[in-house]
Amino acid sequence: MSTGGYRDYFKVLGLERGADSDAVKKAFRRLARQYHPDVNPGDKDAEARFKEISEAYEVLSDPEKRSRYEQFGQYWNQAGGGGAGPAGFDVDFGRYGNFDDFINDLLGRFGATGGAGPGGFAGGGFPGGFAGTAPPVNLDAESSLTISLTEAFRGCERTLQVNQERVQVRIPAGVKPGSRLRLKGKGNLQPSTGRRGDLYLTINLSSHPLWNLDGDALRAELPLSPAEAVLGGEVRVPTPDGEAVVTVPAGISPGRSLRLRGKGWPLKSGRGDLLLTVQLALPQDPSSEERSLYEKLRDLGGQQTRKAMFEDGKL
């Protein structure tokens, strides 16, 4: 990779000359994950390779430095007045909680300027004169909010207490569990700079006694009496918009679903469907009249119900 003190940064990252910034970033991320000291504990060769990769990315990701590098080659840094050139790349890896913290910091901070401050890189600093700079820290914050299914269906407003500040949150109609809302400028504050991150709010839904959300569909169980299931007919059912009438086919089996199109969850394209799953509701305490009728039905067709079992039951 290095000949006579000169490093071909494109070859270090496994790239052809002319590779664009996206290719540079992608190559760095891939190689940095491979050679990071946390992945290769105690491996000095991997650590040296990692520092070389980071040095290459620091130069090629900066348009001004890359331009000087491509024009002056090994003398690019002297041409820019930077001194002796890249050397002594030294990073305090212990200040990062995990590998992703380091990668995200590095990808976003090369090229940052400003005075020294908390959270900067220790030791010799980055090559090309970055020692003493203060990379911005991640000031974004995460939180969660549980709302009712009704609030999610219709949309609502909530007031939250964030960092001793009351924040009004508008939750759009049709929000789903796991959705993340971004509240710009409502995250953590960096007192030394006055910078403020964003707050990312994850939405959770509490259960509802009747409805449950299944993808884009709204579901509920539809209890039918044995007579309604056998004979079919029209039955009144609730929907989020009020009552509706649904036609039940004669002889419908438990577990089948009836679909009411456009009566379900709010979507960007309109409304999803409402699905009613048939459940057989048997009387737990039948009246004497009901019992008499069921006894007649049993005598009429009970044995016929199991006829197929006797025909196919032999092994």
Protein backbone atom coordinates (compact mmCIF):
# COMPACT_ATOMS: atom_id res chain seq x y z
CA MET A 1 0.00 0.00 0.00
CA SER A 2 2.90 2.36 0.83
CA THR A 3 6.05 2.89 -1.23
CA GLY A 4 8.78 5.25 -0.04
CA GLY A 5 6.42 6.89 2.43
CA TYR A 6 3.68 7.44 -0.17
CA ARG A 7 0.30 5.80 0.32
CA ASP A 8 -2.04 5.25 -2.58
CA TYR A 9 -5.26 5.98 -0.73
CA PHE A 10 -7.41 4.61 -3.53
CA LYS A 11 -5.62 1.25 -3.31
CA VAL A 12 -5.84 1.35 0.49
CA LEU A 13 -9.63 1.40 0.13
CA GLY A 14 -9.62 -1.03 -2.80
CA LEU A 15 -10.93 1.61 -5.23
CA GLU A 16 -10.14 2.79 -8.73
CA ARG A 17 -9.13 6.41 -9.20
CA GLY A 18 -12.18 8.48 -9.95
CA ALA A 19 -14.38 6.64 -7.43
CA ASP A 20 -17.15 8.95 -6.23
CA SER A 21 -17.82 9.96 -2.62
CA ASP A 22 -20.49 7.27 -2.13
CA ALA A 23 -18.05 4.55 -3.21
CA VAL A 24 -15.40 5.97 -0.87
CA LYS A 25 -17.82 5.96 2.06
CA LYS A 26 -19.07 2.44 1.29
CA ALA A 27 -15.53 1.04 1.01
CA PHE A 28 -14.46 2.69 4.25
CA ARG A 29 -17.46 1.37 6.17
CA ARG A 30 -16.87 -2.17 4.91
CA LEU A 31 -13.13 -2.22 5.67
CA ALA A 32 -13.45 -0.40 8.98
CA ARG A 33 -15.86 -3.04 10.24
CA GLN A 34 -13.40 -5.74 9.17
CA TYR A 35 -10.29 -4.26 10.82
CA HIS A 36 -11.67 -2.38 13.81
CA PRO A 37 -9.71 -3.19 17.03
CA ASP A 38 -12.91 -4.30 18.78
CA VAL A 39 -13.33 -7.00 16.14
CA ASN A 40 -9.63 -7.94 16.28
CA PRO A 41 -8.60 -7.55 19.94
CA GLY A 42 -4.84 -7.57 20.43
CA ASP A 43 -4.10 -7.73 16.68
CA LYS A 44 -1.57 -4.96 16.04
CA ASP A 45 -1.57 -5.57 12.28
CA ALA A 46 -5.34 -5.12 12.14
CA GLU A 47 -5.09 -1.93 14.20
CA ALA A 48 -2.40 -0.55 11.88
CA ARG A 49 -4.51 -1.46 8.85
CA PHE A 50 -7.53 0.21 10.45
CA LYS A 51 -5.60 3.44 11.00
CA GLU A 52 -4.39 3.35 7.39
CA ILE A 53 -7.97 2.90 6.15
CA SER A 54 -9.17 5.78 8.32
CA GLU A 55 -6.35 8.00 7.08
CA ALA A 56 -7.28 7.23 3.47
CA TYR A 57 -10.92 8.02 4.09
CA GLU A 58 -10.07 11.27 5.86
CA VAL A 59 -8.28 12.51 2.74
CA LEU A 60 -10.54 11.14 0.00
CA SER A 61 -13.77 12.19 1.71
CA ASP A 62 -12.68 15.83 1.90
CA PRO A 63 -13.05 17.51 -1.55
CA GLU A 64 -10.24 20.02 -0.92
CA LYS A 65 -7.75 17.45 0.38
CA ARG A 66 -8.65 14.98 -2.33
CA SER A 67 -8.07 17.65 -4.98
CA ARG A 68 -4.60 18.42 -3.57
CA TYR A 69 -3.83 14.70 -3.24
CA GLU A 70 -4.79 13.99 -6.84
CA GLN A 71 -2.76 16.99 -8.04
CA PHE A 72 0.41 16.71 -5.93
CA GLY A 73 0.50 13.01 -4.94
CA GLN A 74 2.78 12.36 -1.98
CA TYR A 75 3.37 16.10 -1.53
CA TRP A 76 -0.33 16.94 -1.27
CA ASN A 77 -0.16 17.97 2.39
CA GLN A 78 2.92 20.14 2.01
CA ALA A 79 1.26 21.84 -0.95
CA GLY A 80 -1.63 22.75 1.30
CA GLY A 81 0.60 24.09 4.05
CA GLY A 82 -0.24 21.25 6.38
CA GLY A 83 3.30 20.29 7.39
CA ALA A 84 4.95 16.91 7.29
CA GLY A 85 2.03 14.95 5.89
CA PRO A 86 -0.16 12.19 7.28
CA ALA A 87 1.43 10.27 10.07
CA GLY A 88 0.81 9.10 13.61
CA PHE A 89 -2.92 8.47 13.24
CA ASP A 90 -4.04 7.96 16.86
CA VAL A 91 -7.60 7.44 18.11
CA ASP A 92 -8.84 6.76 21.63
CA PHE A 93 -11.18 3.86 20.84
CA GLY A 94 -12.21 3.53 24.48
CA ARG A 95 -14.33 6.69 24.33
CA TYR A 96 -16.89 4.98 22.09
CA GLY A 97 -19.65 2.82 23.52
CA ASN A 98 -19.66 0.49 20.52
CA PHE A 99 -18.38 0.12 16.98
CA ASP A 100 -21.37 1.81 15.34
CA ASP A 101 -20.83 4.91 17.52
CA PHE A 102 -17.29 5.17 16.18
CA ILE A 103 -18.24 4.59 12.53
CA ASN A 104 -21.11 7.08 12.59
CA ASP A 105 -18.91 9.63 14.34
CA LEU A 106 -16.10 9.19 11.85
CA LEU A 107 -18.32 9.26 8.76
CA GLY A 108 -20.02 12.45 9.87
CA ARG A 109 -17.12 14.31 11.49
CA PHE A 110 -14.26 14.35 8.98
CA GLY A 111 -14.05 17.87 7.74
CA ALA A 112 -15.47 19.41 10.94
CA THR A 113 -13.77 22.56 12.20
CA GLY A 114 -13.74 24.36 15.48
CA GLY A 115 -11.91 24.56 18.77
CA ALA A 116 -11.06 21.79 21.17
CA GLY A 117 -13.80 20.55 23.44
CA PRO A 118 -15.33 17.50 25.08
CA GLY A 119 -15.60 14.38 22.97
CA GLY A 120 -12.60 15.17 20.72
CA PHE A 121 -10.07 12.62 19.52
CA ALA A 122 -7.13 11.92 21.84
CA GLY A 123 -3.45 11.46 21.12
CA GLY A 124 -1.81 12.73 17.92
CA GLY A 125 -5.11 13.63 16.29
CA PHE A 126 -6.24 13.01 12.77
CA PRO A 127 -3.77 13.45 9.94
CA GLY A 128 -3.77 16.71 8.03
CA GLY A 129 -4.13 19.04 11.00
CA PHE A 130 -7.25 17.75 12.77
CA ALA A 131 -5.66 17.47 16.22
CA GLY A 132 -7.55 19.63 18.70
CA THR A 133 -10.84 19.78 16.79
CA ALA A 134 -14.08 18.90 18.57
CA PRO A 135 -16.30 16.56 16.57
CA PRO A 136 -19.97 17.19 17.35
CA VAL A 137 -21.55 14.57 19.55
CA ASN A 138 -24.81 12.83 18.72
CA LEU A 139 -27.45 14.91 20.48
CA ASP A 140 -30.48 13.01 19.18
CA ALA A 141 -32.74 11.46 21.81
CA GLU A 142 -35.08 8.47 21.75
CA SER A 143 -38.34 8.01 23.61
CA SER A 144 -41.62 6.10 23.29
CA LEU A 145 -45.28 6.98 23.66
CA THR A 146 -48.24 4.65 24.15
CA ILE A 147 -51.60 5.81 22.79
CA SER A 148 -54.96 4.10 22.42
CA LEU A 149 -56.13 2.45 19.21
CA THR A 150 -58.83 5.12 18.95
CA GLU A 151 -56.26 7.92 19.20
CA ALA A 152 -54.13 6.24 16.53
CA PHE A 153 -57.17 5.79 14.26
CA ARG A 154 -58.37 9.39 14.51
CA GLY A 155 -55.10 11.18 15.24
CA CYS A 156 -54.48 13.17 18.39
CA GLU A 157 -52.27 15.66 20.18
CA ARG A 158 -50.19 14.92 23.25
CA THR A 159 -48.10 17.15 25.50
CA LEU A 160 -44.79 15.65 26.60
CA GLN A 161 -42.22 16.77 29.13
CA VAL A 162 -38.82 16.73 27.39
CA ASN A 163 -35.71 18.06 29.14
CA GLN A 164 -37.85 20.23 31.44
CA GLU A 165 -39.72 21.60 28.43
CA ARG A 166 -43.36 21.00 27.48
CA VAL A 167 -43.55 19.79 23.88
CA GLN A 168 -46.77 19.55 21.88
CA VAL A 169 -46.85 16.48 19.63
CA ARG A 170 -49.29 16.07 16.74
CA ILE A 171 -49.87 12.38 15.98
CA PRO A 172 -51.37 11.83 12.51
CA ALA A 173 -54.42 9.65 11.91
CA GLY A 174 -53.55 6.10 10.89
CA VAL A 175 -50.22 5.89 12.73
CA LYS A 176 -49.15 2.29 13.29
CA PRO A 177 -47.28 0.63 16.17
CA GLY A 178 -43.53 1.00 15.76
CA SER A 179 -43.84 4.23 13.77
CA ARG A 180 -41.16 6.83 14.61
CA LEU A 181 -42.01 10.52 14.72
CA ARG A 182 -39.21 13.08 14.45
CA LEU A 183 -39.47 16.21 16.60
CA LYS A 184 -36.86 18.49 15.13
CA GLY A 185 -34.75 20.43 17.62
CA LYS A 186 -36.33 18.78 20.67
CA GLY A 187 -33.47 16.43 21.54
CA ASN A 188 -30.50 16.90 23.88
CA LEU A 189 -28.71 20.23 24.27
CA GLN A 190 -24.95 20.75 24.04
CA PRO A 191 -24.38 23.70 26.41
CA SER A 192 -20.97 24.62 25.00
CA THR A 193 -22.33 25.24 21.50
CA GLY A 194 -26.07 25.67 21.96
CA ARG A 195 -26.66 22.87 19.43
CA ARG A 196 -29.84 20.84 19.88
CA GLY A 197 -30.52 17.37 18.52
CA ASP A 198 -33.81 15.84 17.40
CA LEU A 199 -36.20 13.69 19.42
CA TYR A 200 -37.34 10.41 17.82
CA LEU A 201 -40.61 9.18 19.29
CA THR A 202 -41.60 5.51 18.84
CA ILE A 203 -45.36 4.95 18.92
CA ASN A 204 -46.94 2.00 20.76
CA LEU A 205 -50.65 1.12 20.78
CA SER A 206 -52.62 -0.18 23.73
CA SER A 207 -55.09 -3.02 23.16
CA HIS A 208 -58.75 -2.42 22.31
CA PRO A 209 -61.63 -4.59 23.59
CA LEU A 210 -62.98 -5.19 20.07
CA TRP A 211 -60.59 -4.13 17.31
CA ASN A 212 -57.03 -5.13 16.55
CA LEU A 213 -54.75 -3.95 13.75
CA ASP A 214 -53.42 -6.57 11.32
CA GLY A 215 -51.20 -4.90 8.72
CA ASP A 216 -53.46 -2.51 6.81
CA ALA A 217 -56.65 -4.29 7.95
CA LEU A 218 -58.71 -3.78 11.04
CA ARG A 219 -59.98 -7.04 12.56
CA ALA A 220 -62.69 -8.10 14.99
CA GLU A 221 -64.51 -11.29 15.91
CA LEU A 222 -68.14 -11.70 14.80
CA PRO A 223 -70.14 -13.95 17.13
CA LEU A 224 -73.01 -15.81 15.42
CA SER A 225 -75.64 -18.02 16.95
CA PRO A 226 -75.90 -21.59 15.53
CA ALA A 227 -79.11 -20.60 13.75
CA GLU A 228 -77.49 -17.54 12.13
CA ALA A 229 -74.54 -19.63 10.99
CA VAL A 230 -76.79 -22.33 9.51
CA LEU A 231 -79.42 -20.12 7.92
CA GLY A 232 -77.36 -17.03 7.08
CA GLY A 233 -78.96 -13.66 6.51
CA GLU A 234 -78.30 -10.03 7.30
CA VAL A 235 -76.83 -9.06 10.68
CA ARG A 236 -75.99 -5.65 12.12
CA VAL A 237 -72.33 -5.09 13.06
CA PRO A 238 -70.34 -2.17 14.51
CA THR A 239 -67.67 -0.37 12.47
CA PRO A 240 -65.41 2.58 13.40
CA ASP A 241 -67.88 4.77 11.47
CA GLY A 242 -71.05 3.43 13.12
CA GLU A 243 -73.37 0.49 12.45
CA ALA A 244 -73.41 -1.44 9.17
CA VAL A 245 -75.31 -4.44 7.81
CA VAL A 246 -73.37 -7.45 6.58
CA THR A 247 -74.75 -10.46 4.71
CA VAL A 248 -73.80 -13.82 6.24
CA PRO A 249 -73.79 -16.74 3.79
CA ALA A 250 -75.86 -19.75 4.88
CA GLY A 251 -73.76 -22.55 6.36
CA ILE A 252 -70.76 -20.36 7.13
CA SER A 253 -68.07 -22.07 9.22
CA PRO A 254 -66.32 -20.63 12.28
CA GLY A 255 -62.98 -19.07 11.37
CA ARG A 256 -64.12 -17.64 8.04
CA SER A 257 -63.87 -13.87 7.60
CA LEU A 258 -66.29 -11.40 6.08
CA ARG A 259 -64.69 -8.35 4.44
CA LEU A 260 -66.07 -4.81 4.48
CA ARG A 261 -63.98 -2.89 1.98
CA GLY A 262 -62.94 0.66 2.82
CA LYS A 263 -64.18 0.45 6.41
CA GLY A 264 -60.85 -0.23 8.10
CA TRP A 265 -57.62 1.59 9.01
CA PRO A 266 -56.79 5.05 7.58
CA LEU A 267 -54.09 4.80 4.90
CA LYS A 268 -52.40 7.34 2.65
CA SER A 269 -54.37 5.88 -0.24
CA GLY A 270 -57.72 5.93 1.58
CA ARG A 271 -59.03 3.30 4.00
CA GLY A 272 -58.09 -0.31 4.51
CA ASP A 273 -60.57 -3.16 4.90
CA LEU A 274 -62.53 -4.35 7.92
CA LEU A 275 -62.35 -8.12 8.51
CA LEU A 276 -64.91 -9.87 10.71
CA THR A 277 -63.96 -13.41 11.72
CA VAL A 278 -66.89 -15.69 12.48
CA GLN A 279 -67.07 -17.25 15.93
CA LEU A 280 -69.84 -19.66 16.96
CA ALA A 281 -71.60 -18.36 20.09
CA LEU A 282 -73.21 -21.27 21.94
CA PRO A 283 -75.78 -20.52 24.65
CA GLN A 284 -74.30 -21.20 28.09
CA ASP A 285 -77.62 -21.26 29.92
CA PRO A 286 -80.38 -22.06 27.39
CA SER A 287 -83.99 -21.47 28.33
CA SER A 288 -86.38 -24.44 28.50
CA GLU A 289 -87.76 -23.49 25.09
CA GLU A 290 -84.28 -23.29 23.55
CA ARG A 291 -83.33 -26.62 25.13
CA SER A 292 -86.42 -28.27 23.66
CA LEU A 293 -85.59 -26.97 20.20
CA TYR A 294 -81.96 -28.11 20.44
CA GLU A 295 -83.11 -31.58 21.53
CA LYS A 296 -85.26 -31.82 18.42
CA LEU A 297 -82.35 -30.70 16.23
CA ARG A 298 -80.12 -33.28 17.89
CA ASP A 299 -82.63 -36.06 17.24
CA LEU A 300 -83.04 -34.96 13.63
CA GLY A 301 -79.42 -34.66 12.54
CA GLY A 302 -76.91 -35.43 15.26
CA GLN A 303 -75.85 -38.84 13.93
CA GLN A 304 -75.74 -37.58 10.35
CA THR A 305 -73.16 -35.00 11.41
CA ARG A 306 -70.65 -37.79 12.09
CA LYS A 307 -71.57 -40.12 9.24
CA ALA A 308 -68.34 -39.47 7.35
CA MET A 309 -66.31 -40.54 10.37
CA PHE A 310 -67.82 -44.05 10.29
CA GLU A 311 -67.25 -44.33 6.55
CA ASP A 312 -63.57 -43.33 6.68
CA GLY A 313 -62.66 -44.40 10.19
CA LYS A 314 -61.13 -47.84 9.47
CA LEU A 315 -57.33 -48.16 9.11
